[in-house]
Structures are given as structure tokens and as C-alpha cells.
């Protein structure tokens, strides 16, 4: 798992399956993008306007846990604000 935070864009990119190659993506809503592999399995999630909170609503429970673990392991964010996970 890997987390990248873009402070200027206020977005968080969480890779939940680094061993899969990203082949496309789709918007889950106005602030979340799902990146998938060739089979349609989640590879990464992109959270826009992350300082407003990260919503895990509608994301598969296994992926929710991977996202939580990745964010916990990535703290602190080198001076960036902490993130609130919204369920």
C-alpha cells in the first residue's frame, strides 16, 4: 500500500494493490476516483479536496480497511493537515 499527498492539489492517492497495473478509472462521485486494473479490480483510490475529509462510503469493506491502514502508516504528512475519514 502506498499513499501520495499532493498539498497543492489537496488530493490523496492511495494505492491498495501495488502489484496490479492500472488500466483505467471512473469517478465514484465528485470527489473520488477509482483506478482499476484490466479485470476491473480496484488498484487505487484518488480523493480530491482531501483536507475536507475522505469518504469511504460505498467502497468495499476490504478496500476500506486497506485505505485506513495506508493512511495510518503514512502519517505524519510532512506538515500537511491530518485527514478525517468520513463513513
PDB file of N, CA and C in Angstrom:
ATOM      1  N   UNK A   1       0.851  -1.177   0.000  1.00  0.00           N
ATOM      2  CA  UNK A   1       0.000   0.000   0.000  1.00  0.00           C
ATOM      3  C   UNK A   1       0.891   1.232   0.000  1.00  0.00           C
ATOM      4  N   UNK A   2       0.391   2.270  -0.618  1.00  0.00           N
ATOM      5  CA  UNK A   2       1.178   3.484  -0.759  1.00  0.00           C
ATOM      6  C   UNK A   2       0.240   4.679  -0.777  1.00  0.00           C
ATOM      7  N   UNK A   3       0.675   5.756  -0.150  1.00  0.00           N
ATOM      8  CA  UNK A   3      -0.109   6.988  -0.119  1.00  0.00           C
ATOM      9  C   UNK A   3       0.742   8.126  -0.662  1.00  0.00           C
ATOM     10  N   UNK A   4       0.154   8.897  -1.585  1.00  0.00           N
ATOM     11  CA  UNK A   4       0.793  10.121  -2.060  1.00  0.00           C
ATOM     12  C   UNK A   4      -0.174  11.267  -1.776  1.00  0.00           C
ATOM     13  N   UNK A   5       0.362  12.334  -1.186  1.00  0.00           N
ATOM     14  CA  UNK A   5      -0.450  13.514  -0.909  1.00  0.00           C
ATOM     15  C   UNK A   5       0.108  14.683  -1.699  1.00  0.00           C
ATOM     16  N   UNK A   6      -0.736  15.313  -2.481  1.00  0.00           N
ATOM     17  CA  UNK A   6      -0.378  16.499  -3.248  1.00  0.00           C
ATOM     18  C   UNK A   6      -0.964  17.693  -2.509  1.00  0.00           C
ATOM     19  N   UNK A   7      -0.115  18.421  -1.796  1.00  0.00           N
ATOM     20  CA  UNK A   7      -0.585  19.528  -0.965  1.00  0.00           C
ATOM     21  C   UNK A   7      -1.166  20.652  -1.818  1.00  0.00           C
ATOM     22  N   UNK A   8      -0.590  20.921  -2.994  1.00  0.00           N
ATOM     23  CA  UNK A   8      -1.107  21.988  -3.843  1.00  0.00           C
ATOM     24  C   UNK A   8      -2.467  21.631  -4.433  1.00  0.00           C
ATOM     25  N   UNK A   9      -2.634  20.375  -4.817  1.00  0.00           N
ATOM     26  CA  UNK A   9      -3.904  19.932  -5.393  1.00  0.00           C
ATOM     27  C   UNK A   9      -4.893  19.474  -4.345  1.00  0.00           C
ATOM     28  N   UNK A  10      -4.436  19.356  -3.096  1.00  0.00           N
ATOM     29  CA  UNK A  10      -5.241  18.881  -1.974  1.00  0.00           C
ATOM     30  C   UNK A  10      -5.897  17.538  -2.325  1.00  0.00           C
ATOM     31  N   UNK A  11      -5.060  16.619  -2.805  1.00  0.00           N
ATOM     32  CA  UNK A  11      -5.590  15.301  -3.128  1.00  0.00           C
ATOM     33  C   UNK A  11      -4.694  14.211  -2.551  1.00  0.00           C
ATOM     34  N   UNK A  12      -5.321  13.094  -2.247  1.00  0.00           N
ATOM     35  CA  UNK A  12      -4.625  11.922  -1.736  1.00  0.00           C
ATOM     36  C   UNK A  12      -4.851  10.785  -2.727  1.00  0.00           C
ATOM     37  N   UNK A  13      -3.755  10.113  -3.090  1.00  0.00           N
ATOM     38  CA  UNK A  13      -3.810   8.965  -3.995  1.00  0.00           C
ATOM     39  C   UNK A  13      -3.353   7.760  -3.189  1.00  0.00           C
ATOM     40  N   UNK A  14      -4.248   6.804  -2.963  1.00  0.00           N
ATOM     41  CA  UNK A  14      -3.949   5.619  -2.163  1.00  0.00           C
ATOM     42  C   UNK A  14      -3.924   4.399  -3.074  1.00  0.00           C
ATOM     43  N   UNK A  15      -2.757   3.788  -3.190  1.00  0.00           N
ATOM     44  CA  UNK A  15      -2.619   2.549  -3.947  1.00  0.00           C
ATOM     45  C   UNK A  15      -2.879   1.398  -2.993  1.00  0.00           C
ATOM     46  N   UNK A  16      -3.893   0.604  -3.279  1.00  0.00           N
ATOM     47  CA  UNK A  16      -4.238  -0.514  -2.391  1.00  0.00           C
ATOM     48  C   UNK A  16      -3.725  -1.854  -2.924  1.00  0.00           C
ATOM     49  N   UNK A  17      -3.445  -1.932  -4.198  1.00  0.00           N
ATOM     50  CA  UNK A  17      -2.913  -3.156  -4.804  1.00  0.00           C
ATOM     51  C   UNK A  17      -1.760  -2.787  -5.742  1.00  0.00           C
ATOM     52  N   UNK A  18      -0.562  -2.560  -5.172  1.00  0.00           N
ATOM     53  CA  UNK A  18       0.570  -2.110  -5.982  1.00  0.00           C
ATOM     54  C   UNK A  18       1.065  -3.159  -6.980  1.00  0.00           C
ATOM     55  N   UNK A  19       0.673  -4.407  -6.797  1.00  0.00           N
ATOM     56  CA  UNK A  19       1.109  -5.467  -7.701  1.00  0.00           C
ATOM     57  C   UNK A  19       0.226  -5.580  -8.945  1.00  0.00           C
ATOM     58  N   UNK A  20      -0.812  -4.750  -9.041  1.00  0.00           N
ATOM     59  CA  UNK A  20      -1.701  -4.728 -10.203  1.00  0.00           C
ATOM     60  C   UNK A  20      -1.401  -3.477 -11.027  1.00  0.00           C
ATOM     61  N   UNK A  21      -1.512  -3.594 -12.331  1.00  0.00           N
ATOM     62  CA  UNK A  21      -1.261  -2.462 -13.219  1.00  0.00           C
ATOM     63  C   UNK A  21      -2.561  -1.714 -13.505  1.00  0.00           C
ATOM     64  N   UNK A  22      -2.517  -0.414 -13.311  1.00  0.00           N
ATOM     65  CA  UNK A  22      -3.703   0.408 -13.562  1.00  0.00           C
ATOM     66  C   UNK A  22      -4.003   0.469 -15.050  1.00  0.00           C
ATOM     67  N   UNK A  23      -5.290   0.258 -15.390  1.00  0.00           N
ATOM     68  CA  UNK A  23      -5.701   0.266 -16.790  1.00  0.00           C
ATOM     69  C   UNK A  23      -6.840   1.239 -17.080  1.00  0.00           C
ATOM     70  N   UNK A  24      -7.309   1.934 -16.077  1.00  0.00           N
ATOM     71  CA  UNK A  24      -8.396   2.878 -16.301  1.00  0.00           C
ATOM     72  C   UNK A  24      -8.969   3.345 -14.989  1.00  0.00           C
ATOM     73  N   UNK A  25     -10.009   4.113 -15.088  1.00  0.00           N
ATOM     74  CA  UNK A  25     -10.628   4.619 -13.874  1.00  0.00           C
ATOM     75  C   UNK A  25     -12.002   5.175 -14.147  1.00  0.00           C
ATOM     76  N   UNK A  26     -12.685   5.438 -13.056  1.00  0.00           N
ATOM     77  CA  UNK A  26     -14.003   6.055 -13.161  1.00  0.00           C
ATOM     78  C   UNK A  26     -14.271   6.837 -11.889  1.00  0.00           C
ATOM     79  N   UNK A  27     -15.078   7.865 -12.048  1.00  0.00           N
ATOM     80  CA  UNK A  27     -15.458   8.681 -10.893  1.00  0.00           C
ATOM     81  C   UNK A  27     -16.501   7.951 -10.069  1.00  0.00           C
ATOM     82  N   UNK A  28     -16.276   7.904  -8.770  1.00  0.00           N
ATOM     83  CA  UNK A  28     -17.293   7.390  -7.856  1.00  0.00           C
ATOM     84  C   UNK A  28     -18.290   8.491  -7.530  1.00  0.00           C
ATOM     85  N   UNK A  29     -17.773   9.709  -7.448  1.00  0.00           N
ATOM     86  CA  UNK A  29     -18.578  10.907  -7.235  1.00  0.00           C
ATOM     87  C   UNK A  29     -17.689  12.107  -7.520  1.00  0.00           C
ATOM     88  N   UNK A  30     -18.104  13.287  -7.138  1.00  0.00           N
ATOM     89  CA  UNK A  30     -17.352  14.494  -7.492  1.00  0.00           C
ATOM     90  C   UNK A  30     -16.000  14.617  -6.791  1.00  0.00           C
ATOM     91  N   UNK A  31     -15.774  13.843  -5.730  1.00  0.00           N
ATOM     92  CA  UNK A  31     -14.513  13.982  -5.003  1.00  0.00           C
ATOM     93  C   UNK A  31     -13.709  12.687  -4.913  1.00  0.00           C
ATOM     94  N   UNK A  32     -14.145  11.621  -5.619  1.00  0.00           N
ATOM     95  CA  UNK A  32     -13.429  10.352  -5.533  1.00  0.00           C
ATOM     96  C   UNK A  32     -13.340   9.677  -6.905  1.00  0.00           C
ATOM     97  N   UNK A  33     -12.155   9.135  -7.168  1.00  0.00           N
ATOM     98  CA  UNK A  33     -11.909   8.425  -8.421  1.00  0.00           C
ATOM     99  C   UNK A  33     -11.367   7.040  -8.083  1.00  0.00           C
ATOM    100  N   UNK A  34     -11.927   6.019  -8.713  1.00  0.00           N
ATOM    101  CA  UNK A  34     -11.480   4.647  -8.556  1.00  0.00           C
ATOM    102  C   UNK A  34     -10.610   4.301  -9.760  1.00  0.00           C
ATOM    103  N   UNK A  35      -9.396   3.812  -9.509  1.00  0.00           N
ATOM    104  CA  UNK A  35      -8.492   3.371 -10.566  1.00  0.00           C
ATOM    105  C   UNK A  35      -8.480   1.848 -10.537  1.00  0.00           C
ATOM    106  N   UNK A  36      -8.650   1.214 -11.703  1.00  0.00           N
ATOM    107  CA  UNK A  36      -8.810  -0.241 -11.771  1.00  0.00           C
ATOM    108  C   UNK A  36      -7.780  -0.890 -12.694  1.00  0.00           C
ATOM    109  N   UNK A  37      -7.637  -2.227 -12.533  1.00  0.00           N
ATOM    110  CA  UNK A  37      -6.776  -2.999 -13.420  1.00  0.00           C
ATOM    111  C   UNK A  37      -7.589  -3.511 -14.609  1.00  0.00           C
ATOM    112  N   UNK A  38      -6.993  -4.330 -15.432  1.00  0.00           N
ATOM    113  CA  UNK A  38      -7.642  -4.838 -16.636  1.00  0.00           C
ATOM    114  C   UNK A  38      -8.926  -5.606 -16.331  1.00  0.00           C
ATOM    115  N   UNK A  39      -8.956  -6.293 -15.182  1.00  0.00           N
ATOM    116  CA  UNK A  39     -10.131  -7.084 -14.791  1.00  0.00           C
ATOM    117  C   UNK A  39     -11.188  -6.252 -14.069  1.00  0.00           C
ATOM    118  N   UNK A  40     -10.905  -4.963 -13.841  1.00  0.00           N
ATOM    119  CA  UNK A  40     -11.851  -4.094 -13.150  1.00  0.00           C
ATOM    120  C   UNK A  40     -11.691  -4.081 -11.645  1.00  0.00           C
ATOM    121  N   UNK A  41     -10.624  -4.710 -11.126  1.00  0.00           N
ATOM    122  CA  UNK A  41     -10.364  -4.741  -9.685  1.00  0.00           C
ATOM    123  C   UNK A  41      -9.685  -3.437  -9.258  1.00  0.00           C
ATOM    124  N   UNK A  42     -10.052  -2.951  -8.098  1.00  0.00           N
ATOM    125  CA  UNK A  42      -9.501  -1.693  -7.591  1.00  0.00           C
ATOM    126  C   UNK A  42      -7.989  -1.783  -7.413  1.00  0.00           C
ATOM    127  N   UNK A  43      -7.299  -0.805  -7.966  1.00  0.00           N
ATOM    128  CA  UNK A  43      -5.851  -0.684  -7.805  1.00  0.00           C
ATOM    129  C   UNK A  43      -5.546   0.483  -6.873  1.00  0.00           C
ATOM    130  N   UNK A  44      -6.287   1.582  -7.032  1.00  0.00           N
ATOM    131  CA  UNK A  44      -6.032   2.788  -6.250  1.00  0.00           C
ATOM    132  C   UNK A  44      -7.302   3.636  -6.167  1.00  0.00           C
ATOM    133  N   UNK A  45      -7.297   4.502  -5.174  1.00  0.00           N
ATOM    134  CA  UNK A  45      -8.381   5.460  -4.988  1.00  0.00           C
ATOM    135  C   UNK A  45      -7.762   6.844  -4.903  1.00  0.00           C
ATOM    136  N   UNK A  46      -8.393   7.796  -5.557  1.00  0.00           N
ATOM    137  CA  UNK A  46      -7.945   9.182  -5.527  1.00  0.00           C
ATOM    138  C   UNK A  46      -9.029  10.003  -4.849  1.00  0.00           C
ATOM    139  N   UNK A  47      -8.627  10.741  -3.823  1.00  0.00           N
ATOM    140  CA  UNK A  47      -9.565  11.553  -3.043  1.00  0.00           C
ATOM    141  C   UNK A  47      -9.230  13.020  -3.262  1.00  0.00           C
ATOM    142  N   UNK A  48     -10.134  13.745  -3.906  1.00  0.00           N
ATOM    143  CA  UNK A  48      -9.956  15.164  -4.175  1.00  0.00           C
ATOM    144  C   UNK A  48     -10.435  15.967  -2.975  1.00  0.00           C
ATOM    145  N   UNK A  49      -9.904  17.155  -2.802  1.00  0.00           N
ATOM    146  CA  UNK A  49     -10.244  18.031  -1.669  1.00  0.00           C
ATOM    147  C   UNK A  49     -10.124  17.263  -0.350  1.00  0.00           C
ATOM    148  N   UNK A  50      -9.011  16.567  -0.193  1.00  0.00           N
ATOM    149  CA  UNK A  50      -8.799  15.653   0.931  1.00  0.00           C
ATOM    150  C   UNK A  50      -8.838  16.333   2.290  1.00  0.00           C
ATOM    151  N   UNK A  51      -8.468  17.588   2.362  1.00  0.00           N
ATOM    152  CA  UNK A  51      -8.481  18.258   3.668  1.00  0.00           C
ATOM    153  C   UNK A  51      -9.897  18.440   4.207  1.00  0.00           C
ATOM    154  N   UNK A  52     -10.905  18.264   3.334  1.00  0.00           N
ATOM    155  CA  UNK A  52     -12.297  18.323   3.777  1.00  0.00           C
ATOM    156  C   UNK A  52     -12.773  16.999   4.357  1.00  0.00           C
ATOM    157  N   UNK A  53     -11.955  15.963   4.225  1.00  0.00           N
ATOM    158  CA  UNK A  53     -12.302  14.637   4.718  1.00  0.00           C
ATOM    159  C   UNK A  53     -12.290  13.629   3.594  1.00  0.00           C
ATOM    160  N   UNK A  54     -12.083  12.378   3.949  1.00  0.00           N
ATOM    161  CA  UNK A  54     -12.025  11.292   2.982  1.00  0.00           C
ATOM    162  C   UNK A  54     -13.202  10.369   3.252  1.00  0.00           C
ATOM    163  N   UNK A  55     -14.095  10.269   2.295  1.00  0.00           N
ATOM    164  CA  UNK A  55     -15.285   9.432   2.452  1.00  0.00           C
ATOM    165  C   UNK A  55     -15.008   8.025   1.928  1.00  0.00           C
ATOM    166  N   UNK A  56     -15.308   7.035   2.753  1.00  0.00           N
ATOM    167  CA  UNK A  56     -15.183   5.638   2.358  1.00  0.00           C
ATOM    168  C   UNK A  56     -16.544   5.026   2.050  1.00  0.00           C
ATOM    169  N   UNK A  57     -17.565   5.851   2.037  1.00  0.00           N
ATOM    170  CA  UNK A  57     -18.920   5.382   1.766  1.00  0.00           C
ATOM    171  C   UNK A  57     -18.993   4.713   0.395  1.00  0.00           C
ATOM    172  N   UNK A  58     -19.574   3.531   0.354  1.00  0.00           N
ATOM    173  CA  UNK A  58     -19.763   2.823  -0.893  1.00  0.00           C
ATOM    174  C   UNK A  58     -18.546   2.062  -1.394  1.00  0.00           C
ATOM    175  N   UNK A  59     -17.438   2.139  -0.676  1.00  0.00           N
ATOM    176  CA  UNK A  59     -16.231   1.397  -1.042  1.00  0.00           C
ATOM    177  C   UNK A  59     -16.285   0.040  -0.342  1.00  0.00           C
ATOM    178  N   UNK A  60     -15.860  -1.006  -1.047  1.00  0.00           N
ATOM    179  CA  UNK A  60     -15.875  -2.360  -0.489  1.00  0.00           C
ATOM    180  C   UNK A  60     -15.162  -2.387   0.859  1.00  0.00           C
ATOM    181  N   UNK A  61     -15.712  -3.131   1.848  1.00  0.00           N
ATOM    182  CA  UNK A  61     -15.114  -3.172   3.186  1.00  0.00           C
ATOM    183  C   UNK A  61     -13.631  -3.541   3.197  1.00  0.00           C
ATOM    184  N   UNK A  62     -13.211  -4.494   2.372  1.00  0.00           N
ATOM    185  CA  UNK A  62     -11.787  -4.862   2.336  1.00  0.00           C
ATOM    186  C   UNK A  62     -10.927  -3.692   1.885  1.00  0.00           C
ATOM    187  N   UNK A  63     -11.406  -2.962   0.887  1.00  0.00           N
ATOM    188  CA  UNK A  63     -10.665  -1.795   0.412  1.00  0.00           C
ATOM    189  C   UNK A  63     -10.694  -0.669   1.447  1.00  0.00           C
ATOM    190  N   UNK A  64     -11.799  -0.513   2.152  1.00  0.00           N
ATOM    191  CA  UNK A  64     -11.855   0.489   3.218  1.00  0.00           C
ATOM    192  C   UNK A  64     -10.750   0.234   4.237  1.00  0.00           C
ATOM    193  N   UNK A  65     -10.581  -1.021   4.611  1.00  0.00           N
ATOM    194  CA  UNK A  65      -9.553  -1.372   5.600  1.00  0.00           C
ATOM    195  C   UNK A  65      -8.157  -1.100   5.048  1.00  0.00           C
ATOM    196  N   UNK A  66      -7.917  -1.422   3.791  1.00  0.00           N
ATOM    197  CA  UNK A  66      -6.620  -1.146   3.174  1.00  0.00           C
ATOM    198  C   UNK A  66      -6.338   0.355   3.138  1.00  0.00           C
ATOM    199  N   UNK A  67      -7.343   1.143   2.832  1.00  0.00           N
ATOM    200  CA  UNK A  67      -7.178   2.603   2.797  1.00  0.00           C
ATOM    201  C   UNK A  67      -6.852   3.124   4.194  1.00  0.00           C
ATOM    202  N   UNK A  68      -7.595   2.657   5.200  1.00  0.00           N
ATOM    203  CA  UNK A  68      -7.317   3.085   6.578  1.00  0.00           C
ATOM    204  C   UNK A  68      -5.883   2.742   6.973  1.00  0.00           C
ATOM    205  N   UNK A  69      -5.463   1.511   6.684  1.00  0.00           N
ATOM    206  CA  UNK A  69      -4.104   1.087   7.027  1.00  0.00           C
ATOM    207  C   UNK A  69      -3.065   1.944   6.324  1.00  0.00           C
ATOM    208  N   UNK A  70      -3.265   2.201   5.052  1.00  0.00           N
ATOM    209  CA  UNK A  70      -2.314   3.013   4.288  1.00  0.00           C
ATOM    210  C   UNK A  70      -2.204   4.419   4.861  1.00  0.00           C
ATOM    211  N   UNK A  71      -3.345   5.031   5.195  1.00  0.00           N
ATOM    212  CA  UNK A  71      -3.325   6.385   5.758  1.00  0.00           C
ATOM    213  C   UNK A  71      -2.669   6.399   7.125  1.00  0.00           C
ATOM    214  N   UNK A  72      -2.940   5.379   7.941  1.00  0.00           N
ATOM    215  CA  UNK A  72      -2.319   5.303   9.263  1.00  0.00           C
ATOM    216  C   UNK A  72      -0.803   5.166   9.158  1.00  0.00           C
ATOM    217  N   UNK A  73      -0.324   4.365   8.219  1.00  0.00           N
ATOM    218  CA  UNK A  73       1.108   4.152   8.045  1.00  0.00           C
ATOM    219  C   UNK A  73       1.800   5.376   7.466  1.00  0.00           C
ATOM    220  N   UNK A  74       1.076   6.201   6.735  1.00  0.00           N
ATOM    221  CA  UNK A  74       1.660   7.354   6.060  1.00  0.00           C
ATOM    222  C   UNK A  74       1.784   8.580   6.950  1.00  0.00           C
ATOM    223  N   UNK A  75       1.176   8.578   8.126  1.00  0.00           N
ATOM    224  CA  UNK A  75       1.233   9.753   8.985  1.00  0.00           C
ATOM    225  C   UNK A  75       2.572   9.837   9.671  1.00  0.00           C
ATOM    226  N   UNK A  76       3.118  10.990   9.966  1.00  0.00           N
ATOM    227  CA  UNK A  76       2.566  12.294   9.610  1.00  0.00           C
ATOM    228  C   UNK A  76       2.825  12.634   8.144  1.00  0.00           C
ATOM    229  N   UNK A  77       2.120  13.618   7.649  1.00  0.00           N
ATOM    230  CA  UNK A  77       2.181  14.006   6.243  1.00  0.00           C
ATOM    231  C   UNK A  77       3.131  15.168   6.006  1.00  0.00           C
ATOM    232  N   UNK A  78       4.272  15.146   6.650  1.00  0.00           N
ATOM    233  CA  UNK A  78       5.280  16.184   6.437  1.00  0.00           C
ATOM    234  C   UNK A  78       4.708  17.590   6.528  1.00  0.00           C
ATOM    235  N   UNK A  79       3.966  17.849   7.581  1.00  0.00           N
ATOM    236  CA  UNK A  79       3.439  19.173   7.802  1.00  0.00           C
ATOM    237  C   UNK A  79       2.081  19.413   7.196  1.00  0.00           C
ATOM    238  N   UNK A  80       1.598  18.488   6.398  1.00  0.00           N
ATOM    239  CA  UNK A  80       0.262  18.636   5.804  1.00  0.00           C
ATOM    240  C   UNK A  80      -0.780  18.338   6.870  1.00  0.00           C
ATOM    241  N   UNK A  81      -1.962  18.876   6.698  1.00  0.00           N
ATOM    242  CA  UNK A  81      -3.004  18.624   7.699  1.00  0.00           C
ATOM    243  C   UNK A  81      -3.373  17.151   7.761  1.00  0.00           C
ATOM    244  N   UNK A  82      -3.821  16.698   8.927  1.00  0.00           N
ATOM    245  CA  UNK A  82      -4.304  15.332   9.056  1.00  0.00           C
ATOM    246  C   UNK A  82      -5.602  15.175   8.303  1.00  0.00           C
ATOM    247  N   UNK A  83      -5.997  13.957   8.063  1.00  0.00           N
ATOM    248  CA  UNK A  83      -7.203  13.703   7.302  1.00  0.00           C
ATOM    249  C   UNK A  83      -8.246  13.032   8.158  1.00  0.00           C
ATOM    250  N   UNK A  84      -9.470  13.446   7.984  1.00  0.00           N
ATOM    251  CA  UNK A  84     -10.606  12.857   8.667  1.00  0.00           C
ATOM    252  C   UNK A  84     -11.260  11.875   7.719  1.00  0.00           C
ATOM    253  N   UNK A  85     -11.446  10.634   8.204  1.00  0.00           N
ATOM    254  CA  UNK A  85     -12.124   9.643   7.395  1.00  0.00           C
ATOM    255  C   UNK A  85     -13.614   9.710   7.725  1.00  0.00           C
ATOM    256  N   UNK A  86     -14.417   9.889   6.698  1.00  0.00           N
ATOM    257  CA  UNK A  86     -15.873  10.008   6.859  1.00  0.00           C
ATOM    258  C   UNK A  86     -16.508   8.714   6.401  1.00  0.00           C
ATOM    259  N   UNK A  87     -17.347   8.154   7.238  1.00  0.00           N
ATOM    260  CA  UNK A  87     -18.031   6.890   6.884  1.00  0.00           C
ATOM    261  C   UNK A  87     -19.440   7.174   6.478  1.00  0.00           C
TER     262      UNK A  87
END
